[in-house]
């Protein structure tokens, strides 16, 4: 089964679809964050992450697998 990955650029009119299988050797990064309120603090908290697609691990497992990006500014929590 092929999975579709969508991408929206900074410009609303630029939208693309990429279809790939686990093991494809294309570069793919996922960035994201979650803002949330917990019961322990009075303010909003933020958790951010970055992952990079791992084609070798994806080939072995036959599922999409992503590695943690260990660079300054990624994978943080307030």
N, C-alpha and C. Protein backbone atom coordinates (compact mmCIF):
# COMPACT_ATOMS: atom_id res chain seq x y z
N UNK A 1 0.84 -1.18 0.00
CA UNK A 1 0.00 0.00 0.00
C UNK A 1 0.89 1.24 0.00
N UNK A 2 0.61 2.17 -0.87
CA UNK A 2 1.33 3.43 -0.91
C UNK A 2 0.62 4.44 -0.04
N UNK A 3 1.38 5.22 0.67
CA UNK A 3 0.81 6.24 1.54
C UNK A 3 1.08 7.61 0.93
N UNK A 4 0.16 8.52 1.12
CA UNK A 4 0.29 9.86 0.57
C UNK A 4 0.71 10.82 1.67
N UNK A 5 1.72 11.61 1.39
CA UNK A 5 2.21 12.62 2.31
C UNK A 5 1.92 13.97 1.68
N UNK A 6 1.26 14.84 2.40
CA UNK A 6 0.92 16.15 1.84
C UNK A 6 1.84 17.21 2.41
N UNK A 7 1.99 18.27 1.66
CA UNK A 7 2.85 19.38 2.05
C UNK A 7 2.21 20.68 1.61
N UNK A 8 2.12 21.61 2.51
CA UNK A 8 1.65 22.95 2.18
C UNK A 8 2.79 23.91 2.43
N UNK A 9 3.15 24.69 1.42
CA UNK A 9 4.25 25.63 1.54
C UNK A 9 3.78 26.87 2.30
N UNK A 10 4.69 27.82 2.49
CA UNK A 10 4.34 29.07 3.17
C UNK A 10 3.29 29.86 2.40
N UNK A 11 3.18 29.58 1.13
CA UNK A 11 2.20 30.26 0.29
C UNK A 11 1.00 29.35 0.12
N UNK A 12 -0.17 29.85 0.37
CA UNK A 12 -1.39 29.03 0.35
C UNK A 12 -1.62 28.36 -1.00
N UNK A 13 -1.15 28.96 -2.09
CA UNK A 13 -1.40 28.39 -3.41
C UNK A 13 -0.41 27.27 -3.75
N UNK A 14 0.62 27.06 -2.94
CA UNK A 14 1.61 26.01 -3.20
C UNK A 14 1.29 24.79 -2.35
N UNK A 15 0.81 23.75 -2.97
CA UNK A 15 0.44 22.54 -2.27
C UNK A 15 0.92 21.36 -3.09
N UNK A 16 1.53 20.39 -2.46
CA UNK A 16 2.03 19.25 -3.20
C UNK A 16 1.73 17.95 -2.49
N UNK A 17 1.66 16.87 -3.24
CA UNK A 17 1.49 15.54 -2.69
C UNK A 17 2.67 14.68 -3.10
N UNK A 18 3.14 13.87 -2.18
CA UNK A 18 4.24 12.97 -2.45
C UNK A 18 3.77 11.58 -2.04
N UNK A 19 3.91 10.63 -2.93
CA UNK A 19 3.55 9.27 -2.61
C UNK A 19 4.82 8.46 -2.49
N UNK A 20 4.93 7.69 -1.40
CA UNK A 20 6.14 6.91 -1.20
C UNK A 20 5.83 5.63 -0.42
N UNK A 21 6.73 4.67 -0.51
CA UNK A 21 6.64 3.42 0.22
C UNK A 21 7.72 3.40 1.29
N UNK A 22 7.53 2.63 2.36
CA UNK A 22 8.61 2.47 3.33
C UNK A 22 9.87 1.96 2.62
N UNK A 23 10.99 2.61 2.86
CA UNK A 23 12.24 2.23 2.21
C UNK A 23 12.66 3.16 1.09
N UNK A 24 11.75 4.03 0.61
CA UNK A 24 12.15 5.01 -0.40
C UNK A 24 13.29 5.85 0.17
N UNK A 25 14.23 6.25 -0.69
CA UNK A 25 15.42 6.96 -0.21
C UNK A 25 15.29 8.48 -0.27
N UNK A 26 14.08 8.99 -0.34
CA UNK A 26 13.89 10.45 -0.35
C UNK A 26 14.07 11.01 1.05
N UNK A 27 14.45 12.28 1.11
CA UNK A 27 14.61 12.95 2.41
C UNK A 27 13.27 13.50 2.85
N UNK A 28 12.93 13.26 4.11
CA UNK A 28 11.67 13.72 4.65
C UNK A 28 11.88 14.05 6.12
N UNK A 29 11.51 15.27 6.49
CA UNK A 29 11.60 15.72 7.88
C UNK A 29 10.21 16.11 8.34
N UNK A 30 9.95 15.87 9.61
CA UNK A 30 8.69 16.29 10.21
C UNK A 30 9.02 17.18 11.40
N UNK A 31 8.45 18.37 11.41
CA UNK A 31 8.61 19.32 12.51
C UNK A 31 7.24 19.55 13.12
N UNK A 32 7.19 19.73 14.41
CA UNK A 32 5.90 20.00 15.00
C UNK A 32 6.02 20.48 16.43
N UNK A 33 4.91 20.95 16.95
CA UNK A 33 4.84 21.32 18.35
C UNK A 33 3.41 21.23 18.83
N UNK A 34 3.28 21.10 20.14
CA UNK A 34 1.97 21.06 20.78
C UNK A 34 1.98 22.10 21.88
N UNK A 35 0.97 22.94 21.91
CA UNK A 35 0.78 23.88 23.02
C UNK A 35 -0.34 23.31 23.88
N UNK A 36 -0.13 23.31 25.17
CA UNK A 36 -1.12 22.71 26.05
C UNK A 36 -1.10 23.35 27.43
N UNK A 37 -2.17 23.13 28.15
CA UNK A 37 -2.31 23.57 29.53
C UNK A 37 -2.35 22.31 30.39
N UNK A 38 -1.56 22.28 31.44
CA UNK A 38 -1.64 21.17 32.37
C UNK A 38 -2.15 21.66 33.72
N UNK A 39 -2.44 20.76 34.60
CA UNK A 39 -3.00 21.13 35.88
C UNK A 39 -1.97 21.61 36.89
N UNK A 40 -0.69 21.59 36.51
CA UNK A 40 0.38 21.94 37.45
C UNK A 40 0.88 23.37 37.31
N UNK A 41 0.67 23.99 36.18
CA UNK A 41 1.17 25.35 35.98
C UNK A 41 0.01 26.28 35.62
N UNK A 42 0.29 27.57 35.70
CA UNK A 42 -0.76 28.55 35.40
C UNK A 42 -0.73 29.00 33.95
N UNK A 43 0.34 28.72 33.24
CA UNK A 43 0.46 29.19 31.87
C UNK A 43 0.43 28.07 30.85
N UNK A 44 0.52 28.50 29.61
CA UNK A 44 0.55 27.56 28.50
C UNK A 44 1.94 26.96 28.39
N UNK A 45 2.02 25.69 28.06
CA UNK A 45 3.30 25.00 27.89
C UNK A 45 3.44 24.58 26.42
N UNK A 46 4.66 24.31 26.01
CA UNK A 46 4.91 23.95 24.61
C UNK A 46 5.93 22.82 24.54
N UNK A 47 5.63 21.83 23.71
CA UNK A 47 6.54 20.71 23.44
C UNK A 47 6.78 20.68 21.95
N UNK A 48 8.04 20.69 21.53
CA UNK A 48 8.37 20.67 20.11
C UNK A 48 9.28 19.51 19.76
N UNK A 49 9.23 19.10 18.50
CA UNK A 49 10.05 17.98 18.07
C UNK A 49 10.40 18.09 16.59
N UNK A 50 11.39 17.31 16.21
CA UNK A 50 11.77 17.15 14.80
C UNK A 50 12.18 15.70 14.60
N UNK A 51 11.73 15.12 13.51
CA UNK A 51 12.07 13.74 13.17
C UNK A 51 12.50 13.70 11.72
N UNK A 52 13.42 12.79 11.44
CA UNK A 52 13.92 12.59 10.07
C UNK A 52 13.60 11.17 9.65
N UNK A 53 13.05 11.03 8.45
CA UNK A 53 12.70 9.72 7.91
C UNK A 53 13.94 8.85 7.80
N UNK A 54 13.85 7.60 8.24
CA UNK A 54 14.97 6.65 8.21
C UNK A 54 14.65 5.55 7.19
N UNK A 55 15.20 5.65 5.95
CA UNK A 55 14.85 4.68 4.91
C UNK A 55 15.34 3.26 5.21
N UNK A 56 16.46 3.11 5.87
CA UNK A 56 16.99 1.77 6.15
C UNK A 56 16.10 1.05 7.16
N UNK A 57 15.80 1.71 8.26
CA UNK A 57 14.92 1.11 9.27
C UNK A 57 13.52 0.87 8.70
N UNK A 58 13.06 1.75 7.83
CA UNK A 58 11.74 1.58 7.21
C UNK A 58 11.72 0.37 6.28
N UNK A 59 12.82 0.12 5.59
CA UNK A 59 12.91 -1.05 4.72
C UNK A 59 12.85 -2.33 5.54
N UNK A 60 13.60 -2.36 6.61
CA UNK A 60 13.66 -3.55 7.47
C UNK A 60 12.31 -3.85 8.10
N UNK A 61 11.66 -2.82 8.62
CA UNK A 61 10.39 -3.01 9.33
C UNK A 61 9.17 -3.00 8.41
N UNK A 62 9.36 -2.52 7.18
CA UNK A 62 8.28 -2.35 6.21
C UNK A 62 7.20 -1.40 6.70
N UNK A 63 7.60 -0.48 7.57
CA UNK A 63 6.74 0.59 8.07
C UNK A 63 7.56 1.87 8.07
N UNK A 64 6.89 3.00 8.03
CA UNK A 64 7.61 4.26 8.11
C UNK A 64 8.22 4.41 9.49
N UNK A 65 9.52 4.70 9.55
CA UNK A 65 10.23 4.89 10.81
C UNK A 65 10.99 6.20 10.73
N UNK A 66 11.00 6.94 11.84
CA UNK A 66 11.65 8.24 11.90
C UNK A 66 12.63 8.27 13.06
N UNK A 67 13.76 8.92 12.84
CA UNK A 67 14.78 9.08 13.88
C UNK A 67 14.64 10.45 14.51
N UNK A 68 15.01 10.56 15.77
CA UNK A 68 15.02 11.85 16.46
C UNK A 68 16.11 12.73 15.88
N UNK A 69 15.85 14.00 15.72
CA UNK A 69 16.85 14.96 15.24
C UNK A 69 17.49 15.58 16.47
N UNK A 70 18.77 15.32 16.66
CA UNK A 70 19.48 15.81 17.84
C UNK A 70 20.29 17.05 17.51
N UNK A 71 19.59 18.15 17.29
CA UNK A 71 20.23 19.43 17.01
C UNK A 71 19.66 20.48 17.94
N UNK A 72 20.43 21.50 18.20
CA UNK A 72 19.98 22.59 19.06
C UNK A 72 18.70 23.20 18.52
N UNK A 73 17.73 23.43 19.40
CA UNK A 73 16.48 24.06 18.99
C UNK A 73 15.36 23.09 18.68
N UNK A 74 15.65 21.80 18.61
CA UNK A 74 14.63 20.80 18.36
C UNK A 74 14.42 19.98 19.62
N UNK A 75 13.32 19.27 19.71
CA UNK A 75 13.01 18.37 20.81
C UNK A 75 13.13 19.10 22.16
N UNK A 76 12.24 20.03 22.36
CA UNK A 76 12.26 20.84 23.58
C UNK A 76 10.91 20.78 24.28
N UNK A 77 10.92 21.14 25.53
CA UNK A 77 9.68 21.25 26.31
C UNK A 77 9.83 22.37 27.30
N UNK A 78 8.77 23.14 27.48
CA UNK A 78 8.77 24.21 28.49
C UNK A 78 8.58 23.62 29.86
